[in-house]
Amino acid sequence: MLLFRSGEHVDRWSEGRGLPTGGVLTPEQCWRLARAWFHDRLSPDWRRRTPEEATRIFGEIGLTGPFWRLG
């Protein structure tokens, strides 16, 4: 994970290294994803999420687009 101050900064960093821009999250989205993803991790009933469940969680947080599609 890399932290940037703006979307433009992400784009400049990616372009300067010849890399595509990957998934970009705001701090709020990062917090919401961590809560949704790990809230039940210590439960004895925990199981790995299916790609469909993960995609649903991503969508609820506003993480959409090709980077966030699992398939």
PDB file of N, CA and C in Angstrom:
ATOM      1  N   MET A   1       0.843  -1.154   0.000  1.00  0.00           N
ATOM      2  CA  MET A   1       0.000   0.000   0.000  1.00  0.00           C
ATOM      3  C   MET A   1       0.900   1.232   0.000  1.00  0.00           C
ATOM      4  N   LEU A   2       0.559   2.162  -0.847  1.00  0.00           N
ATOM      5  CA  LEU A   2       1.252   3.444  -0.906  1.00  0.00           C
ATOM      6  C   LEU A   2       0.256   4.542  -0.587  1.00  0.00           C
ATOM      7  N   LEU A   3       0.714   5.563   0.085  1.00  0.00           N
ATOM      8  CA  LEU A   3      -0.148   6.695   0.439  1.00  0.00           C
ATOM      9  C   LEU A   3       0.225   7.901  -0.414  1.00  0.00           C
ATOM     10  N   PHE A   4      -0.796   8.581  -0.937  1.00  0.00           N
ATOM     11  CA  PHE A   4      -0.607   9.757  -1.773  1.00  0.00           C
ATOM     12  C   PHE A   4      -1.521  10.861  -1.292  1.00  0.00           C
ATOM     13  N   ARG A   5      -1.176  12.098  -1.642  1.00  0.00           N
ATOM     14  CA  ARG A   5      -1.977  13.230  -1.179  1.00  0.00           C
ATOM     15  C   ARG A   5      -3.145  13.571  -2.104  1.00  0.00           C
ATOM     16  N   SER A   6      -3.136  13.029  -3.326  1.00  0.00           N
ATOM     17  CA  SER A   6      -4.225  13.343  -4.255  1.00  0.00           C
ATOM     18  C   SER A   6      -4.227  12.342  -5.407  1.00  0.00           C
ATOM     19  N   GLY A   7      -5.346  12.349  -6.144  1.00  0.00           N
ATOM     20  CA  GLY A   7      -5.430  11.512  -7.335  1.00  0.00           C
ATOM     21  C   GLY A   7      -4.397  11.891  -8.380  1.00  0.00           C
ATOM     22  N   GLU A   8      -4.125  13.183  -8.499  1.00  0.00           N
ATOM     23  CA  GLU A   8      -3.106  13.631  -9.462  1.00  0.00           C
ATOM     24  C   GLU A   8      -1.729  13.101  -9.079  1.00  0.00           C
ATOM     25  N   HIS A   9      -1.456  13.073  -7.787  1.00  0.00           N
ATOM     26  CA  HIS A   9      -0.174  12.544  -7.315  1.00  0.00           C
ATOM     27  C   HIS A   9      -0.044  11.059  -7.662  1.00  0.00           C
ATOM     28  N   VAL A  10      -1.120  10.310  -7.497  1.00  0.00           N
ATOM     29  CA  VAL A  10      -1.125   8.892  -7.873  1.00  0.00           C
ATOM     30  C   VAL A  10      -0.811   8.752  -9.359  1.00  0.00           C
ATOM     31  N   ASP A  11      -1.501   9.542 -10.185  1.00  0.00           N
ATOM     32  CA  ASP A  11      -1.300   9.460 -11.630  1.00  0.00           C
ATOM     33  C   ASP A  11       0.133   9.804 -12.024  1.00  0.00           C
ATOM     34  N   ARG A  12       0.696  10.863 -11.428  1.00  0.00           N
ATOM     35  CA  ARG A  12       2.082  11.248 -11.741  1.00  0.00           C
ATOM     36  C   ARG A  12       3.051  10.143 -11.336  1.00  0.00           C
ATOM     37  N   TRP A  13       2.842   9.556 -10.163  1.00  0.00           N
ATOM     38  CA  TRP A  13       3.716   8.492  -9.682  1.00  0.00           C
ATOM     39  C   TRP A  13       3.657   7.291 -10.637  1.00  0.00           C
ATOM     40  N   SER A  14       2.454   6.900 -11.024  1.00  0.00           N
ATOM     41  CA  SER A  14       2.282   5.752 -11.925  1.00  0.00           C
ATOM     42  C   SER A  14       2.906   6.019 -13.287  1.00  0.00           C
ATOM     43  N   GLU A  15       2.602   7.182 -13.842  1.00  0.00           N
ATOM     44  CA  GLU A  15       3.140   7.524 -15.166  1.00  0.00           C
ATOM     45  C   GLU A  15       4.656   7.592 -15.148  1.00  0.00           C
ATOM     46  N   GLY A  16       5.233   8.140 -14.085  1.00  0.00           N
ATOM     47  CA  GLY A  16       6.682   8.260 -13.979  1.00  0.00           C
ATOM     48  C   GLY A  16       7.389   6.923 -13.919  1.00  0.00           C
ATOM     49  N   ARG A  17       6.686   5.890 -13.563  1.00  0.00           N
ATOM     50  CA  ARG A  17       7.273   4.553 -13.472  1.00  0.00           C
ATOM     51  C   ARG A  17       6.766   3.610 -14.559  1.00  0.00           C
ATOM     52  N   GLY A  18       5.926   4.139 -15.443  1.00  0.00           N
ATOM     53  CA  GLY A  18       5.396   3.313 -16.520  1.00  0.00           C
ATOM     54  C   GLY A  18       4.460   2.226 -16.029  1.00  0.00           C
ATOM     55  N   LEU A  19       3.752   2.501 -14.937  1.00  0.00           N
ATOM     56  CA  LEU A  19       2.840   1.514 -14.356  1.00  0.00           C
ATOM     57  C   LEU A  19       1.398   1.979 -14.474  1.00  0.00           C
ATOM     58  N   PRO A  20       0.475   1.038 -14.630  1.00  0.00           N
ATOM     59  CA  PRO A  20      -0.935   1.427 -14.617  1.00  0.00           C
ATOM     60  C   PRO A  20      -1.349   1.792 -13.186  1.00  0.00           C
ATOM     61  N   THR A  21      -2.302   2.691 -13.074  1.00  0.00           N
ATOM     62  CA  THR A  21      -2.831   3.019 -11.760  1.00  0.00           C
ATOM     63  C   THR A  21      -3.734   1.885 -11.319  1.00  0.00           C
ATOM     64  N   GLY A  22      -3.510   1.375 -10.129  1.00  0.00           N
ATOM     65  CA  GLY A  22      -4.313   0.281  -9.603  1.00  0.00           C
ATOM     66  C   GLY A  22      -5.517   0.806  -8.854  1.00  0.00           C
ATOM     67  N   GLY A  23      -5.915   0.090  -7.831  1.00  0.00           N
ATOM     68  CA  GLY A  23      -7.048   0.506  -7.014  1.00  0.00           C
ATOM     69  C   GLY A  23      -6.654   1.645  -6.100  1.00  0.00           C
ATOM     70  N   VAL A  24      -7.488   2.660  -6.048  1.00  0.00           N
ATOM     71  CA  VAL A  24      -7.237   3.824  -5.205  1.00  0.00           C
ATOM     72  C   VAL A  24      -8.388   3.952  -4.215  1.00  0.00           C
ATOM     73  N   LEU A  25      -8.040   4.043  -2.941  1.00  0.00           N
ATOM     74  CA  LEU A  25      -9.037   4.161  -1.879  1.00  0.00           C
ATOM     75  C   LEU A  25      -8.807   5.458  -1.123  1.00  0.00           C
ATOM     76  N   THR A  26      -9.885   6.037  -0.655  1.00  0.00           N
ATOM     77  CA  THR A  26      -9.765   7.148   0.282  1.00  0.00           C
ATOM     78  C   THR A  26      -9.489   6.554   1.663  1.00  0.00           C
ATOM     79  N   PRO A  27      -9.005   7.356   2.607  1.00  0.00           N
ATOM     80  CA  PRO A  27      -8.834   6.823   3.966  1.00  0.00           C
ATOM     81  C   PRO A  27     -10.140   6.259   4.540  1.00  0.00           C
ATOM     82  N   GLU A  28     -11.261   6.927   4.269  1.00  0.00           N
ATOM     83  CA  GLU A  28     -12.550   6.425   4.766  1.00  0.00           C
ATOM     84  C   GLU A  28     -12.877   5.063   4.156  1.00  0.00           C
ATOM     85  N   GLN A  29     -12.663   4.905   2.853  1.00  0.00           N
ATOM     86  CA  GLN A  29     -12.929   3.620   2.211  1.00  0.00           C
ATOM     87  C   GLN A  29     -12.015   2.532   2.766  1.00  0.00           C
ATOM     88  N   CYS A  30     -10.775   2.880   3.034  1.00  0.00           N
ATOM     89  CA  CYS A  30      -9.835   1.910   3.604  1.00  0.00           C
ATOM     90  C   CYS A  30     -10.338   1.433   4.963  1.00  0.00           C
ATOM     91  N   TRP A  31     -10.794   2.363   5.794  1.00  0.00           N
ATOM     92  CA  TRP A  31     -11.322   2.010   7.113  1.00  0.00           C
ATOM     93  C   TRP A  31     -12.578   1.145   6.985  1.00  0.00           C
ATOM     94  N   ARG A  32     -13.486   1.536   6.088  1.00  0.00           N
ATOM     95  CA  ARG A  32     -14.720   0.766   5.898  1.00  0.00           C
ATOM     96  C   ARG A  32     -14.414  -0.637   5.380  1.00  0.00           C
ATOM     97  N   LEU A  33     -13.455  -0.754   4.472  1.00  0.00           N
ATOM     98  CA  LEU A  33     -13.079  -2.061   3.947  1.00  0.00           C
ATOM     99  C   LEU A  33     -12.483  -2.928   5.061  1.00  0.00           C
ATOM    100  N   ALA A  34     -11.605  -2.365   5.863  1.00  0.00           N
ATOM    101  CA  ALA A  34     -11.005  -3.136   6.958  1.00  0.00           C
ATOM    102  C   ALA A  34     -12.071  -3.623   7.933  1.00  0.00           C
ATOM    103  N   ARG A  35     -13.012  -2.755   8.276  1.00  0.00           N
ATOM    104  CA  ARG A  35     -14.081  -3.159   9.198  1.00  0.00           C
ATOM    105  C   ARG A  35     -14.935  -4.263   8.596  1.00  0.00           C
ATOM    106  N   ALA A  36     -15.330  -4.101   7.336  1.00  0.00           N
ATOM    107  CA  ALA A  36     -16.184  -5.102   6.686  1.00  0.00           C
ATOM    108  C   ALA A  36     -15.431  -6.426   6.501  1.00  0.00           C
ATOM    109  N   TRP A  37     -14.158  -6.336   6.193  1.00  0.00           N
ATOM    110  CA  TRP A  37     -13.387  -7.522   5.858  1.00  0.00           C
ATOM    111  C   TRP A  37     -12.983  -8.331   7.086  1.00  0.00           C
ATOM    112  N   PHE A  38     -12.652  -7.652   8.170  1.00  0.00           N
ATOM    113  CA  PHE A  38     -12.066  -8.334   9.325  1.00  0.00           C
ATOM    114  C   PHE A  38     -12.956  -8.398  10.555  1.00  0.00           C
ATOM    115  N   HIS A  39     -14.171  -7.861  10.504  1.00  0.00           N
ATOM    116  CA  HIS A  39     -14.998  -7.794  11.719  1.00  0.00           C
ATOM    117  C   HIS A  39     -15.262  -9.160  12.353  1.00  0.00           C
ATOM    118  N   ASP A  40     -15.307 -10.209  11.547  1.00  0.00           N
ATOM    119  CA  ASP A  40     -15.613 -11.538  12.083  1.00  0.00           C
ATOM    120  C   ASP A  40     -14.424 -12.502  12.002  1.00  0.00           C
ATOM    121  N   ARG A  41     -13.246 -11.979  11.783  1.00  0.00           N
ATOM    122  CA  ARG A  41     -12.066 -12.821  11.523  1.00  0.00           C
ATOM    123  C   ARG A  41     -11.749 -13.763  12.676  1.00  0.00           C
ATOM    124  N   LEU A  42     -12.031 -13.379  13.918  1.00  0.00           N
ATOM    125  CA  LEU A  42     -11.711 -14.233  15.061  1.00  0.00           C
ATOM    126  C   LEU A  42     -12.850 -15.172  15.453  1.00  0.00           C
ATOM    127  N   SER A  43     -13.934 -15.134  14.725  1.00  0.00           N
ATOM    128  CA  SER A  43     -15.067 -16.001  15.010  1.00  0.00           C
ATOM    129  C   SER A  43     -14.729 -17.449  14.635  1.00  0.00           C
ATOM    130  N   PRO A  44     -15.146 -18.399  15.459  1.00  0.00           N
ATOM    131  CA  PRO A  44     -14.915 -19.812  15.107  1.00  0.00           C
ATOM    132  C   PRO A  44     -15.608 -20.210  13.801  1.00  0.00           C
ATOM    133  N   ASP A  45     -16.657 -19.464  13.426  1.00  0.00           N
ATOM    134  CA  ASP A  45     -17.391 -19.764  12.190  1.00  0.00           C
ATOM    135  C   ASP A  45     -16.820 -19.051  10.968  1.00  0.00           C
ATOM    136  N   TRP A  46     -15.713 -18.330  11.134  1.00  0.00           N
ATOM    137  CA  TRP A  46     -15.155 -17.569  10.015  1.00  0.00           C
ATOM    138  C   TRP A  46     -14.801 -18.494   8.862  1.00  0.00           C
ATOM    139  N   ARG A  47     -15.031 -17.987   7.669  1.00  0.00           N
ATOM    140  CA  ARG A  47     -14.613 -18.689   6.457  1.00  0.00           C
ATOM    141  C   ARG A  47     -14.196 -17.642   5.438  1.00  0.00           C
ATOM    142  N   ARG A  48     -13.403 -18.074   4.516  1.00  0.00           N
ATOM    143  CA  ARG A  48     -12.936 -17.174   3.459  1.00  0.00           C
ATOM    144  C   ARG A  48     -14.132 -16.709   2.624  1.00  0.00           C
ATOM    145  N   ARG A  49     -14.126 -15.457   2.236  1.00  0.00           N
ATOM    146  CA  ARG A  49     -15.216 -14.926   1.419  1.00  0.00           C
ATOM    147  C   ARG A  49     -15.096 -15.424  -0.028  1.00  0.00           C
ATOM    148  N   THR A  50     -16.243 -15.609  -0.635  1.00  0.00           N
ATOM    149  CA  THR A  50     -16.255 -15.992  -2.042  1.00  0.00           C
ATOM    150  C   THR A  50     -15.960 -14.736  -2.877  1.00  0.00           C
ATOM    151  N   PRO A  51     -15.562 -14.918  -4.121  1.00  0.00           N
ATOM    152  CA  PRO A  51     -15.364 -13.743  -4.978  1.00  0.00           C
ATOM    153  C   PRO A  51     -16.628 -12.881  -5.077  1.00  0.00           C
ATOM    154  N   GLU A  52     -17.794 -13.508  -5.096  1.00  0.00           N
ATOM    155  CA  GLU A  52     -19.047 -12.755  -5.176  1.00  0.00           C
ATOM    156  C   GLU A  52     -19.267 -11.923  -3.908  1.00  0.00           C
ATOM    157  N   GLU A  53     -18.982 -12.513  -2.744  1.00  0.00           N
ATOM    158  CA  GLU A  53     -19.125 -11.782  -1.487  1.00  0.00           C
ATOM    159  C   GLU A  53     -18.140 -10.615  -1.423  1.00  0.00           C
ATOM    160  N   ALA A  54     -16.920 -10.864  -1.858  1.00  0.00           N
ATOM    161  CA  ALA A  54     -15.915  -9.807  -1.852  1.00  0.00           C
ATOM    162  C   ALA A  54     -16.331  -8.665  -2.781  1.00  0.00           C
ATOM    163  N   THR A  55     -16.800  -8.997  -3.966  1.00  0.00           N
ATOM    164  CA  THR A  55     -17.236  -7.974  -4.918  1.00  0.00           C
ATOM    165  C   THR A  55     -18.394  -7.168  -4.352  1.00  0.00           C
ATOM    166  N   ARG A  56     -19.305  -7.827  -3.641  1.00  0.00           N
ATOM    167  CA  ARG A  56     -20.422  -7.118  -3.015  1.00  0.00           C
ATOM    168  C   ARG A  56     -19.912  -6.133  -1.967  1.00  0.00           C
ATOM    169  N   ILE A  57     -18.971  -6.566  -1.136  1.00  0.00           N
ATOM    170  CA  ILE A  57     -18.400  -5.680  -0.124  1.00  0.00           C
ATOM    171  C   ILE A  57     -17.717  -4.494  -0.792  1.00  0.00           C
ATOM    172  N   PHE A  58     -16.935  -4.756  -1.817  1.00  0.00           N
ATOM    173  CA  PHE A  58     -16.271  -3.662  -2.533  1.00  0.00           C
ATOM    174  C   PHE A  58     -17.299  -2.656  -3.049  1.00  0.00           C
ATOM    175  N   GLY A  59     -18.368  -3.160  -3.663  1.00  0.00           N
ATOM    176  CA  GLY A  59     -19.403  -2.279  -4.208  1.00  0.00           C
ATOM    177  C   GLY A  59     -20.083  -1.440  -3.146  1.00  0.00           C
ATOM    178  N   GLU A  60     -20.344  -2.032  -1.978  1.00  0.00           N
ATOM    179  CA  GLU A  60     -20.984  -1.295  -0.893  1.00  0.00           C
ATOM    180  C   GLU A  60     -20.119  -0.134  -0.413  1.00  0.00           C
ATOM    181  N   ILE A  61     -18.826  -0.267  -0.571  1.00  0.00           N
ATOM    182  CA  ILE A  61     -17.890   0.762  -0.131  1.00  0.00           C
ATOM    183  C   ILE A  61     -17.614   1.768  -1.249  1.00  0.00           C
ATOM    184  N   GLY A  62     -18.085   1.464  -2.450  1.00  0.00           N
ATOM    185  CA  GLY A  62     -17.859   2.356  -3.582  1.00  0.00           C
ATOM    186  C   GLY A  62     -16.629   2.007  -4.386  1.00  0.00           C
ATOM    187  N   LEU A  63     -16.094   0.816  -4.185  1.00  0.00           N
ATOM    188  CA  LEU A  63     -14.937   0.358  -4.930  1.00  0.00           C
ATOM    189  C   LEU A  63     -15.439  -0.431  -6.129  1.00  0.00           C
ATOM    190  N   THR A  64     -15.468   0.232  -7.264  1.00  0.00           N
ATOM    191  CA  THR A  64     -16.007  -0.365  -8.480  1.00  0.00           C
ATOM    192  C   THR A  64     -14.981  -0.243  -9.596  1.00  0.00           C
ATOM    193  N   GLY A  65     -15.253  -0.835 -10.702  1.00  0.00           N
ATOM    194  CA  GLY A  65     -14.361  -0.770 -11.846  1.00  0.00           C
ATOM    195  C   GLY A  65     -13.558  -2.051 -11.995  1.00  0.00           C
ATOM    196  N   PRO A  66     -12.812  -2.155 -13.068  1.00  0.00           N
ATOM    197  CA  PRO A  66     -12.119  -3.395 -13.396  1.00  0.00           C
ATOM    198  C   PRO A  66     -11.172  -3.891 -12.300  1.00  0.00           C
ATOM    199  N   PHE A  67     -10.485  -3.001 -11.621  1.00  0.00           N
ATOM    200  CA  PHE A  67      -9.534  -3.423 -10.592  1.00  0.00           C
ATOM    201  C   PHE A  67     -10.220  -4.218  -9.484  1.00  0.00           C
ATOM    202  N   TRP A  68     -11.455  -3.844  -9.168  1.00  0.00           N
ATOM    203  CA  TRP A  68     -12.168  -4.428  -8.025  1.00  0.00           C
ATOM    204  C   TRP A  68     -13.043  -5.619  -8.398  1.00  0.00           C
ATOM    205  N   ARG A  69     -13.073  -5.996  -9.684  1.00  0.00           N
ATOM    206  CA  ARG A  69     -13.877  -7.156 -10.100  1.00  0.00           C
ATOM    207  C   ARG A  69     -13.044  -8.423  -9.943  1.00  0.00           C
ATOM    208  N   LEU A  70     -13.610  -9.366  -9.237  1.00  0.00           N
ATOM    209  CA  LEU A  70     -12.944 -10.658  -9.073  1.00  0.00           C
ATOM    210  C   LEU A  70     -13.651 -11.668  -9.959  1.00  0.00           C
ATOM    211  N   GLY A  71     -12.905 -12.492 -10.607  1.00  0.00           N
ATOM    212  CA  GLY A  71     -13.586 -13.427 -11.477  1.00  0.00           C
ATOM    213  C   GLY A  71     -12.790 -14.502 -11.954  1.00  0.00           C
TER     214      GLY A  71
END
